[in-house]
Amino acid sequence: MQIALDPYMFRSVSLTDLPGIVADLGYDAIELSPRDDFLPFFVHPRADRDAIKRFRKALASAGVRLASILPLYRWSGPSEDQRAAAVRYWRRAIEIAVELECRVMNSEFNGRPEEPERSEAQFWRSMEELLPVFEREGIQLRIEPHPDDFVEDGRRAIDIIRGINHPLVSFLYCAPHTFHMGGDIAGIMRYAGSLLTHVHVADSFDHRASSGLRYIINPPGSPARVHQHLDIGQGEVDWDTFFAELNRLGFDGIMTVCVFSWEERARESSIFMREQIHEYLARWHRS
């Protein structure tokens, strides 16, 4: 199993300095999420040949692996112009992954929850165009249901991934999205089975409050999806169940720390999370 850090809280650091900082925090792997100077959110990648070369050199010098690259594009967008553009962006992102010798990419379903059928149709169209590219380059793709995607429920997301029916495509369980996925950590993980190859580790609040709602938001019926990526112990994710189920499944994929809160204590948070994960893993390995 690889334990990686999503260094989003360090996005103001130059790309070439990033691997050294990650190594200093005690990690030997990075999950590279969107950065304005490399792979920005929802637009064409900015990375050129020189940036890729310098980043590769920095990774090697720091002894840090690139475990995964996380692009975010509107490949399920109801707008065909958006979808077609997203496929172009994906093709370039895959080229960059190959140049960086990274064989895992992960992303979200995207699309719009108020247009689920149209968004799903667009998703399948994008997959038809991109699967041959992933296959040709030998890139594994891990997909997660994200709050405000056309699919948010964990089991339904797994069913869609099963429908893709491709050995390179699997499921990512994002712990801080547990509430939005249905709230059943063990049940969703067991339903995924061998399709569970990637997990994101951060805490969040999972409770249902007044009238079965998570929070009271005005105006009533607001479509806002409220969540946060906190340190373990700052939210309500059941970590004993989370790690016990991973142990039961014999999980051997990528485990990414993805805390985005409290940027003023990014270093302390990253170190704390690494230590917490090792404590949980040691506890369940002994049990």
C-alpha atoms as a PDB file:
ATOM      1  CA  MET A   1       0.000   0.000   0.000  1.00  0.00           C
ATOM      2  CA  GLN A   2       1.180   3.519  -0.815  1.00  0.00           C
ATOM      3  CA  ILE A   3       0.493   6.442   1.521  1.00  0.00           C
ATOM      4  CA  ALA A   4       0.530   9.668  -0.466  1.00  0.00           C
ATOM      5  CA  LEU A   5      -0.018  13.330   0.303  1.00  0.00           C
ATOM      6  CA  ASP A   6      -2.251  15.593  -1.734  1.00  0.00           C
ATOM      7  CA  PRO A   7      -0.220  18.813  -1.397  1.00  0.00           C
ATOM      8  CA  TYR A   8      -3.062  21.193  -2.274  1.00  0.00           C
ATOM      9  CA  MET A   9      -2.445  23.227   0.881  1.00  0.00           C
ATOM     10  CA  PHE A  10       1.089  23.836  -0.414  1.00  0.00           C
ATOM     11  CA  ARG A  11      -0.016  25.047  -3.849  1.00  0.00           C
ATOM     12  CA  SER A  12       1.773  28.403  -3.377  1.00  0.00           C
ATOM     13  CA  VAL A  13       5.078  26.521  -3.231  1.00  0.00           C
ATOM     14  CA  SER A  14       6.895  26.186  -6.556  1.00  0.00           C
ATOM     15  CA  LEU A  15       6.412  22.847  -8.253  1.00  0.00           C
ATOM     16  CA  THR A  16      10.134  22.088  -8.091  1.00  0.00           C
ATOM     17  CA  ASP A  17      10.239  22.740  -4.320  1.00  0.00           C
ATOM     18  CA  LEU A  18       7.156  20.633  -3.631  1.00  0.00           C
ATOM     19  CA  PRO A  19       8.767  17.152  -3.577  1.00  0.00           C
ATOM     20  CA  GLY A  20      11.357  18.269  -1.026  1.00  0.00           C
ATOM     21  CA  ILE A  21       8.652  19.628   1.278  1.00  0.00           C
ATOM     22  CA  VAL A  22       6.631  16.426   0.951  1.00  0.00           C
ATOM     23  CA  ALA A  23       9.733  14.384   1.832  1.00  0.00           C
ATOM     24  CA  ASP A  24      10.410  16.610   4.858  1.00  0.00           C
ATOM     25  CA  LEU A  25       6.878  15.864   6.067  1.00  0.00           C
ATOM     26  CA  GLY A  26       7.674  12.147   6.068  1.00  0.00           C
ATOM     27  CA  TYR A  27       5.903  11.108   2.859  1.00  0.00           C
ATOM     28  CA  ASP A  28       7.476   9.349  -0.081  1.00  0.00           C
ATOM     29  CA  ALA A  29       4.572   9.763  -2.514  1.00  0.00           C
ATOM     30  CA  ILE A  30       2.467  12.594  -3.938  1.00  0.00           C
ATOM     31  CA  GLU A  31      -1.022  12.654  -5.380  1.00  0.00           C
ATOM     32  CA  LEU A  32      -0.821  15.732  -7.581  1.00  0.00           C
ATOM     33  CA  SER A  33      -4.132  17.608  -7.536  1.00  0.00           C
ATOM     34  CA  PRO A  34      -4.921  20.683  -9.670  1.00  0.00           C
ATOM     35  CA  ARG A  35      -2.460  23.582  -9.631  1.00  0.00           C
ATOM     36  CA  ASP A  36      -2.782  26.766 -11.667  1.00  0.00           C
ATOM     37  CA  ASP A  37       0.764  26.370 -13.016  1.00  0.00           C
ATOM     38  CA  PHE A  38       0.469  22.716 -14.079  1.00  0.00           C
ATOM     39  CA  LEU A  39      -2.990  21.109 -14.294  1.00  0.00           C
ATOM     40  CA  PRO A  40      -5.558  23.798 -13.380  1.00  0.00           C
ATOM     41  CA  PHE A  41      -9.174  23.102 -12.520  1.00  0.00           C
ATOM     42  CA  PHE A  42     -11.425  22.647 -15.577  1.00  0.00           C
ATOM     43  CA  VAL A  43      -9.146  24.160 -18.238  1.00  0.00           C
ATOM     44  CA  HIS A  44      -6.346  22.954 -20.477  1.00  0.00           C
ATOM     45  CA  PRO A  45      -3.107  21.834 -18.767  1.00  0.00           C
ATOM     46  CA  ARG A  46      -0.382  24.479 -18.524  1.00  0.00           C
ATOM     47  CA  ALA A  47       2.558  22.101 -18.133  1.00  0.00           C
ATOM     48  CA  ASP A  48       5.141  22.315 -20.897  1.00  0.00           C
ATOM     49  CA  ARG A  49       8.122  20.083 -21.641  1.00  0.00           C
ATOM     50  CA  ASP A  50      10.466  22.098 -19.445  1.00  0.00           C
ATOM     51  CA  ALA A  51       8.133  22.112 -16.423  1.00  0.00           C
ATOM     52  CA  ILE A  52       7.651  18.356 -16.701  1.00  0.00           C
ATOM     53  CA  LYS A  53      11.395  17.781 -16.929  1.00  0.00           C
ATOM     54  CA  ARG A  54      12.117  19.979 -13.890  1.00  0.00           C
ATOM     55  CA  PHE A  55       9.369  18.319 -11.843  1.00  0.00           C
ATOM     56  CA  ARG A  56      10.674  14.851 -12.688  1.00  0.00           C
ATOM     57  CA  LYS A  57      14.153  15.904 -11.587  1.00  0.00           C
ATOM     58  CA  ALA A  58      12.812  17.357  -8.322  1.00  0.00           C
ATOM     59  CA  LEU A  59      10.884  14.152  -7.577  1.00  0.00           C
ATOM     60  CA  ALA A  60      13.979  12.035  -8.159  1.00  0.00           C
ATOM     61  CA  SER A  61      16.188  14.318  -6.041  1.00  0.00           C
ATOM     62  CA  ALA A  62      13.758  14.179  -3.117  1.00  0.00           C
ATOM     63  CA  GLY A  63      13.179  10.426  -3.421  1.00  0.00           C
ATOM     64  CA  VAL A  64       9.445  10.980  -3.818  1.00  0.00           C
ATOM     65  CA  ARG A  65       7.167   9.005  -6.166  1.00  0.00           C
ATOM     66  CA  LEU A  66       4.246  10.417  -8.099  1.00  0.00           C
ATOM     67  CA  ALA A  67       1.573   7.978  -6.953  1.00  0.00           C
ATOM     68  CA  SER A  68      -1.311   9.553  -8.844  1.00  0.00           C
ATOM     69  CA  ILE A  69      -2.406  12.595 -10.825  1.00  0.00           C
ATOM     70  CA  LEU A  70      -5.854  14.070 -10.163  1.00  0.00           C
ATOM     71  CA  PRO A  71      -7.284  16.120 -13.065  1.00  0.00           C
ATOM     72  CA  LEU A  72     -10.725  17.694 -12.799  1.00  0.00           C
ATOM     73  CA  TYR A  73     -12.568  18.386 -16.056  1.00  0.00           C
ATOM     74  CA  ARG A  74     -16.220  18.627 -17.084  1.00  0.00           C
ATOM     75  CA  TRP A  75     -16.197  15.371 -19.022  1.00  0.00           C
ATOM     76  CA  SER A  76     -19.812  14.690 -17.982  1.00  0.00           C
ATOM     77  CA  GLY A  77     -20.997  18.256 -18.461  1.00  0.00           C
ATOM     78  CA  PRO A  78     -24.467  18.556 -20.026  1.00  0.00           C
ATOM     79  CA  SER A  79     -22.982  21.065 -22.485  1.00  0.00           C
ATOM     80  CA  GLU A  80     -21.421  19.243 -25.439  1.00  0.00           C
ATOM     81  CA  ASP A  81     -18.898  22.039 -25.920  1.00  0.00           C
ATOM     82  CA  GLN A  82     -17.737  21.597 -22.322  1.00  0.00           C
ATOM     83  CA  ARG A  83     -17.607  17.830 -22.663  1.00  0.00           C
ATOM     84  CA  ALA A  84     -15.620  17.889 -25.902  1.00  0.00           C
ATOM     85  CA  ALA A  85     -13.181  20.400 -24.408  1.00  0.00           C
ATOM     86  CA  ALA A  86     -12.783  18.222 -21.308  1.00  0.00           C
ATOM     87  CA  VAL A  87     -11.852  15.226 -23.465  1.00  0.00           C
ATOM     88  CA  ARG A  88      -9.146  17.315 -25.144  1.00  0.00           C
ATOM     89  CA  TYR A  89      -7.849  18.366 -21.743  1.00  0.00           C
ATOM     90  CA  TRP A  90      -7.874  14.742 -20.569  1.00  0.00           C
ATOM     91  CA  ARG A  91      -5.825  13.653 -23.572  1.00  0.00           C
ATOM     92  CA  ARG A  92      -3.118  16.186 -22.727  1.00  0.00           C
ATOM     93  CA  ALA A  93      -3.226  15.270 -19.026  1.00  0.00           C
ATOM     94  CA  ILE A  94      -2.700  11.614 -19.940  1.00  0.00           C
ATOM     95  CA  GLU A  95       0.304  12.591 -22.064  1.00  0.00           C
ATOM     96  CA  ILE A  96       1.733  14.447 -19.060  1.00  0.00           C
ATOM     97  CA  ALA A  97       1.171  11.445 -16.791  1.00  0.00           C
ATOM     98  CA  VAL A  98       3.050   9.244 -19.240  1.00  0.00           C
ATOM     99  CA  GLU A  99       5.948  11.728 -19.414  1.00  0.00           C
ATOM    100  CA  LEU A 100       6.081  11.728 -15.609  1.00  0.00           C
ATOM    101  CA  GLU A 101       5.983   7.909 -15.553  1.00  0.00           C
ATOM    102  CA  CYS A 102       2.816   7.998 -13.468  1.00  0.00           C
ATOM    103  CA  ARG A 103       0.453   5.121 -14.230  1.00  0.00           C
ATOM    104  CA  VAL A 104      -2.482   6.089 -12.004  1.00  0.00           C
ATOM    105  CA  MET A 105      -4.950   8.936 -12.495  1.00  0.00           C
ATOM    106  CA  ASN A 106      -8.024   9.629 -10.400  1.00  0.00           C
ATOM    107  CA  SER A 107     -10.929  11.981 -10.845  1.00  0.00           C
ATOM    108  CA  GLU A 108     -14.618  12.634 -10.170  1.00  0.00           C
ATOM    109  CA  PHE A 109     -17.754  11.783 -12.137  1.00  0.00           C
ATOM    110  CA  ASN A 110     -18.606  15.490 -12.485  1.00  0.00           C
ATOM    111  CA  GLY A 111     -21.783  16.410 -14.414  1.00  0.00           C
ATOM    112  CA  ARG A 112     -24.875  17.965 -12.845  1.00  0.00           C
ATOM    113  CA  PRO A 113     -27.143  16.295 -10.253  1.00  0.00           C
ATOM    114  CA  GLU A 114     -30.200  18.145 -11.623  1.00  0.00           C
ATOM    115  CA  GLU A 115     -29.530  16.603 -15.070  1.00  0.00           C
ATOM    116  CA  PRO A 116     -28.445  13.066 -14.171  1.00  0.00           C
ATOM    117  CA  GLU A 117     -29.548  11.295 -17.356  1.00  0.00           C
ATOM    118  CA  ARG A 118     -27.988  13.843 -19.699  1.00  0.00           C
ATOM    119  CA  SER A 119     -24.811  13.939 -17.590  1.00  0.00           C
ATOM    120  CA  GLU A 120     -24.512  10.174 -17.515  1.00  0.00           C
ATOM    121  CA  ALA A 121     -24.956  10.005 -21.283  1.00  0.00           C
ATOM    122  CA  GLN A 122     -22.148  12.551 -21.650  1.00  0.00           C
ATOM    123  CA  PHE A 123     -19.972  10.534 -19.247  1.00  0.00           C
ATOM    124  CA  TRP A 124     -20.379   7.392 -21.358  1.00  0.00           C
ATOM    125  CA  ARG A 125     -19.567   9.312 -24.509  1.00  0.00           C
ATOM    126  CA  SER A 126     -16.364  10.627 -22.920  1.00  0.00           C
ATOM    127  CA  MET A 127     -15.418   7.158 -21.700  1.00  0.00           C
ATOM    128  CA  GLU A 128     -15.856   5.741 -25.198  1.00  0.00           C
ATOM    129  CA  GLU A 129     -13.352   8.312 -26.471  1.00  0.00           C
ATOM    130  CA  LEU A 130     -10.879   8.090 -23.583  1.00  0.00           C
ATOM    131  CA  LEU A 131     -10.810   4.404 -22.655  1.00  0.00           C
ATOM    132  CA  PRO A 132      -8.718   3.502 -25.729  1.00  0.00           C
ATOM    133  CA  VAL A 133      -6.215   6.188 -24.678  1.00  0.00           C
ATOM    134  CA  PHE A 134      -5.976   4.896 -21.108  1.00  0.00           C
ATOM    135  CA  GLU A 135      -5.601   1.386 -22.505  1.00  0.00           C
ATOM    136  CA  ARG A 136      -2.924   2.343 -25.026  1.00  0.00           C
ATOM    137  CA  GLU A 137      -0.863   4.134 -22.371  1.00  0.00           C
ATOM    138  CA  GLY A 138      -1.471   1.595 -19.601  1.00  0.00           C
ATOM    139  CA  ILE A 139      -2.935   4.213 -17.254  1.00  0.00           C
ATOM    140  CA  GLN A 140      -5.229   3.104 -14.426  1.00  0.00           C
ATOM    141  CA  LEU A 141      -8.244   5.333 -13.739  1.00  0.00           C
ATOM    142  CA  ARG A 142      -9.882   5.550 -10.306  1.00  0.00           C
ATOM    143  CA  ILE A 143     -13.202   7.440 -10.110  1.00  0.00           C
ATOM    144  CA  GLU A 144     -15.058   8.827  -7.107  1.00  0.00           C
ATOM    145  CA  PRO A 145     -18.606  10.153  -6.688  1.00  0.00           C
ATOM    146  CA  HIS A 146     -18.274  13.731  -5.450  1.00  0.00           C
ATOM    147  CA  PRO A 147     -20.861  15.977  -3.797  1.00  0.00           C
ATOM    148  CA  ASP A 148     -22.675  17.829  -6.605  1.00  0.00           C
ATOM    149  CA  ASP A 149     -21.768  15.245  -9.279  1.00  0.00           C
ATOM    150  CA  PHE A 150     -24.470  13.570 -11.356  1.00  0.00           C
ATOM    151  CA  VAL A 151     -23.889  10.533  -9.135  1.00  0.00           C
ATOM    152  CA  GLU A 152     -23.204  11.037  -5.427  1.00  0.00           C
ATOM    153  CA  ASP A 153     -24.324   7.725  -3.935  1.00  0.00           C
ATOM    154  CA  GLY A 154     -21.503   5.224  -3.378  1.00  0.00           C
ATOM    155  CA  ARG A 155     -23.299   2.084  -4.493  1.00  0.00           C
ATOM    156  CA  ARG A 156     -24.682   3.703  -7.618  1.00  0.00           C
ATOM    157  CA  ALA A 157     -21.185   4.934  -8.490  1.00  0.00           C
ATOM    158  CA  ILE A 158     -19.838   1.399  -8.099  1.00  0.00           C
ATOM    159  CA  ASP A 159     -22.590   0.084 -10.381  1.00  0.00           C
ATOM    160  CA  ILE A 160     -21.552   2.577 -13.069  1.00  0.00           C
ATOM    161  CA  ILE A 161     -17.910   1.543 -12.733  1.00  0.00           C
ATOM    162  CA  ARG A 162     -18.951  -2.104 -13.037  1.00  0.00           C
ATOM    163  CA  GLY A 163     -20.817  -1.106 -16.183  1.00  0.00           C
ATOM    164  CA  ILE A 164     -17.602   0.309 -17.651  1.00  0.00           C
ATOM    165  CA  ASN A 165     -16.341  -3.250 -17.297  1.00  0.00           C
ATOM    166  CA  HIS A 166     -12.672  -2.463 -17.839  1.00  0.00           C
ATOM    167  CA  PRO A 167      -9.735  -3.763 -15.763  1.00  0.00           C
ATOM    168  CA  LEU A 168      -8.083  -0.336 -15.729  1.00  0.00           C
ATOM    169  CA  VAL A 169     -11.083   1.462 -14.158  1.00  0.00           C
ATOM    170  CA  SER A 170     -11.879   1.167 -10.453  1.00  0.00           C
ATOM    171  CA  PHE A 171     -13.467   2.919  -7.449  1.00  0.00           C
ATOM    172  CA  LEU A 172     -12.091   5.575  -5.103  1.00  0.00           C
ATOM    173  CA  TYR A 173     -13.672   5.905  -1.643  1.00  0.00           C
ATOM    174  CA  CYS A 174     -13.331   9.456  -0.315  1.00  0.00           C
ATOM    175  CA  ALA A 175     -13.891   9.372   3.467  1.00  0.00           C
ATOM    176  CA  PRO A 176     -14.914  13.042   3.885  1.00  0.00           C
ATOM    177  CA  HIS A 177     -17.719  12.427   1.383  1.00  0.00           C
ATOM    178  CA  THR A 178     -19.155   9.537   3.409  1.00  0.00           C
ATOM    179  CA  PHE A 179     -22.384  11.409   4.241  1.00  0.00           C
ATOM    180  CA  HIS A 180     -23.059  12.231   0.605  1.00  0.00           C
ATOM    181  CA  MET A 181     -22.276   8.663  -0.525  1.00  0.00           C
ATOM    182  CA  GLY A 182     -24.945   7.255   1.783  1.00  0.00           C
ATOM    183  CA  GLY A 183     -23.197   7.120   5.158  1.00  0.00           C
ATOM    184  CA  ASP A 184     -22.438   3.371   5.157  1.00  0.00           C
ATOM    185  CA  ILE A 185     -18.644   2.988   5.139  1.00  0.00           C
ATOM    186  CA  ALA A 186     -18.482  -0.780   5.553  1.00  0.00           C
ATOM    187  CA  GLY A 187     -21.417  -1.484   3.251  1.00  0.00           C
ATOM    188  CA  ILE A 188     -20.068   0.622   0.393  1.00  0.00           C
ATOM    189  CA  MET A 189     -16.542  -0.775   0.722  1.00  0.00           C
ATOM    190  CA  ARG A 190     -17.846  -4.343   0.748  1.00  0.00           C
ATOM    191  CA  TYR A 191     -20.086  -3.602  -2.217  1.00  0.00           C
ATOM    192  CA  ALA A 192     -17.016  -2.348  -4.112  1.00  0.00           C
ATOM    193  CA  GLY A 193     -14.896  -5.346  -3.162  1.00  0.00           C
ATOM    194  CA  SER A 194     -11.902  -5.669  -5.450  1.00  0.00           C
ATOM    195  CA  LEU A 195     -12.937  -2.483  -7.299  1.00  0.00           C
ATOM    196  CA  LEU A 196     -11.797  -0.471  -4.259  1.00  0.00           C
ATOM    197  CA  THR A 197      -8.245   0.514  -5.174  1.00  0.00           C
ATOM    198  CA  HIS A 198      -7.881   4.043  -3.798  1.00  0.00           C
ATOM    199  CA  VAL A 199      -9.006   5.916  -0.673  1.00  0.00           C
ATOM    200  CA  HIS A 200      -8.882   9.558   0.376  1.00  0.00           C
ATOM    201  CA  VAL A 201      -8.361  10.200   4.071  1.00  0.00           C
ATOM    202  CA  ALA A 202      -9.754  13.285   5.795  1.00  0.00           C
ATOM    203  CA  ASP A 203     -12.497  13.813   8.356  1.00  0.00           C
ATOM    204  CA  SER A 204     -15.879  15.499   7.934  1.00  0.00           C
ATOM    205  CA  PHE A 205     -19.236  15.782   9.619  1.00  0.00           C
ATOM    206  CA  ASP A 206     -21.742  13.033   8.904  1.00  0.00           C
ATOM    207  CA  HIS A 207     -24.676  13.798  11.162  1.00  0.00           C
ATOM    208  CA  ARG A 208     -28.268  14.397  10.121  1.00  0.00           C
ATOM    209  CA  ALA A 209     -29.780  17.201  12.129  1.00  0.00           C
ATOM    210  CA  SER A 210     -33.141  18.984  12.048  1.00  0.00           C
ATOM    211  CA  SER A 211     -35.774  17.429   9.736  1.00  0.00           C
ATOM    212  CA  GLY A 212     -33.269  14.878   8.463  1.00  0.00           C
ATOM    213  CA  LEU A 213     -31.077  17.621   7.008  1.00  0.00           C
ATOM    214  CA  ARG A 214     -27.361  17.873   7.581  1.00  0.00           C
ATOM    215  CA  TYR A 215     -27.422  21.602   8.276  1.00  0.00           C
ATOM    216  CA  ILE A 216     -30.122  24.249   8.417  1.00  0.00           C
ATOM    217  CA  ILE A 217     -29.541  26.364   5.303  1.00  0.00           C
ATOM    218  CA  ASN A 218     -31.623  29.286   4.145  1.00  0.00           C
ATOM    219  CA  PRO A 219     -33.493  29.320   1.900  1.00  0.00           C
ATOM    220  CA  PRO A 220     -34.929  25.872   2.714  1.00  0.00           C
ATOM    221  CA  GLY A 221     -34.230  23.315   0.022  1.00  0.00           C
ATOM    222  CA  SER A 222     -30.911  24.852  -0.985  1.00  0.00           C
ATOM    223  CA  PRO A 223     -28.945  22.457  -3.226  1.00  0.00           C
ATOM    224  CA  ALA A 224     -25.656  23.335  -1.467  1.00  0.00           C
ATOM    225  CA  ARG A 225     -23.479  20.322  -0.612  1.00  0.00           C
ATOM    226  CA  VAL A 226     -21.675  21.204   2.609  1.00  0.00           C
ATOM    227  CA  HIS A 227     -18.586  19.290   3.657  1.00  0.00           C
ATOM    228  CA  GLN A 228     -14.979  19.823   4.651  1.00  0.00           C
ATOM    229  CA  HIS A 229     -11.677  17.925   4.661  1.00  0.00           C
ATOM    230  CA  LEU A 230     -10.489  17.932   8.278  1.00  0.00           C
ATOM    231  CA  ASP A 231      -7.855  16.174  10.362  1.00  0.00           C
ATOM    232  CA  ILE A 232      -8.826  12.772  11.727  1.00  0.00           C
ATOM    233  CA  GLY A 233     -10.778  13.328  14.932  1.00  0.00           C
ATOM    234  CA  GLN A 234     -12.150  16.751  13.990  1.00  0.00           C
ATOM    235  CA  GLY A 235     -15.253  15.308  12.344  1.00  0.00           C
ATOM    236  CA  GLU A 236     -17.531  12.295  12.658  1.00  0.00           C
ATOM    237  CA  VAL A 237     -16.156   9.709  10.223  1.00  0.00           C
ATOM    238  CA  ASP A 238     -15.999   6.286  11.916  1.00  0.00           C
ATOM    239  CA  TRP A 239     -12.278   5.607  11.514  1.00  0.00           C
ATOM    240  CA  ASP A 240     -12.335   2.287  13.350  1.00  0.00           C
ATOM    241  CA  THR A 241     -14.835   0.987  10.807  1.00  0.00           C
ATOM    242  CA  PHE A 242     -12.934   2.591   7.905  1.00  0.00           C
ATOM    243  CA  PHE A 243      -9.607   0.938   8.715  1.00  0.00           C
ATOM    244  CA  ALA A 244     -11.145  -2.331   9.891  1.00  0.00           C
ATOM    245  CA  GLU A 245     -12.936  -2.730   6.574  1.00  0.00           C
ATOM    246  CA  LEU A 246      -9.799  -1.932   4.602  1.00  0.00           C
ATOM    247  CA  ASN A 247      -8.012  -4.584   6.641  1.00  0.00           C
ATOM    248  CA  ARG A 248     -10.791  -7.104   6.017  1.00  0.00           C
ATOM    249  CA  LEU A 249     -10.614  -6.441   2.268  1.00  0.00           C
ATOM    250  CA  GLY A 250      -6.825  -6.719   2.217  1.00  0.00           C
ATOM    251  CA  PHE A 251      -6.608  -3.240   0.722  1.00  0.00           C
ATOM    252  CA  ASP A 252      -3.317  -2.718  -1.113  1.00  0.00           C
ATOM    253  CA  GLY A 253      -3.927   0.424  -3.147  1.00  0.00           C
ATOM    254  CA  ILE A 254      -3.222   4.128  -2.685  1.00  0.00           C
ATOM    255  CA  MET A 255      -4.202   5.918   0.521  1.00  0.00           C
ATOM    256  CA  THR A 256      -4.061   9.691   0.051  1.00  0.00           C
ATOM    257  CA  VAL A 257      -4.107  12.294   2.809  1.00  0.00           C
ATOM    258  CA  CYS A 258      -6.331  15.099   1.495  1.00  0.00           C
ATOM    259  CA  VAL A 259      -6.903  17.601   4.290  1.00  0.00           C
ATOM    260  CA  PHE A 260      -7.716  21.084   2.946  1.00  0.00           C
ATOM    261  CA  SER A 261      -8.673  22.948   6.122  1.00  0.00           C
ATOM    262  CA  TRP A 262      -6.505  25.121   8.324  1.00  0.00           C
ATOM    263  CA  GLU A 263      -3.964  26.074   5.658  1.00  0.00           C
ATOM    264  CA  GLU A 264      -2.061  28.073   8.257  1.00  0.00           C
ATOM    265  CA  ARG A 265      -1.091  24.760   9.876  1.00  0.00           C
ATOM    266  CA  ALA A 266      -0.582  22.717   6.729  1.00  0.00           C
ATOM    267  CA  ARG A 267       2.712  21.208   7.927  1.00  0.00           C
ATOM    268  CA  GLU A 268       1.371  20.197  11.344  1.00  0.00           C
ATOM    269  CA  SER A 269      -1.764  18.729   9.780  1.00  0.00           C
ATOM    270  CA  SER A 270       0.178  16.687   7.221  1.00  0.00           C
ATOM    271  CA  ILE A 271       2.478  15.223   9.876  1.00  0.00           C
ATOM    272  CA  PHE A 272      -0.439  14.516  12.240  1.00  0.00           C
ATOM    273  CA  MET A 273      -2.369  12.704   9.519  1.00  0.00           C
ATOM    274  CA  ARG A 274       0.604  10.530   8.578  1.00  0.00           C
ATOM    275  CA  GLU A 275       1.093   9.540  12.211  1.00  0.00           C
ATOM    276  CA  GLN A 276      -2.605   8.818  12.711  1.00  0.00           C
ATOM    277  CA  ILE A 277      -2.772   6.608   9.634  1.00  0.00           C
ATOM    278  CA  HIS A 278       0.231   4.577  10.749  1.00  0.00           C
ATOM    279  CA  GLU A 279      -1.326   4.156  14.203  1.00  0.00           C
ATOM    280  CA  TYR A 280      -4.591   2.875  12.748  1.00  0.00           C
ATOM    281  CA  LEU A 281      -2.830   0.579  10.304  1.00  0.00           C
ATOM    282  CA  ALA A 282      -0.648  -0.872  13.067  1.00  0.00           C
ATOM    283  CA  ARG A 283      -3.681  -1.399  15.316  1.00  0.00           C
ATOM    284  CA  TRP A 284      -5.651  -3.303  12.688  1.00  0.00           C
ATOM    285  CA  HIS A 285      -2.627  -5.249  11.518  1.00  0.00           C
ATOM    286  CA  ARG A 286      -2.227  -6.568  15.092  1.00  0.00           C
ATOM    287  CA  SER A 287      -5.927  -7.399  15.484  1.00  0.00           C
END
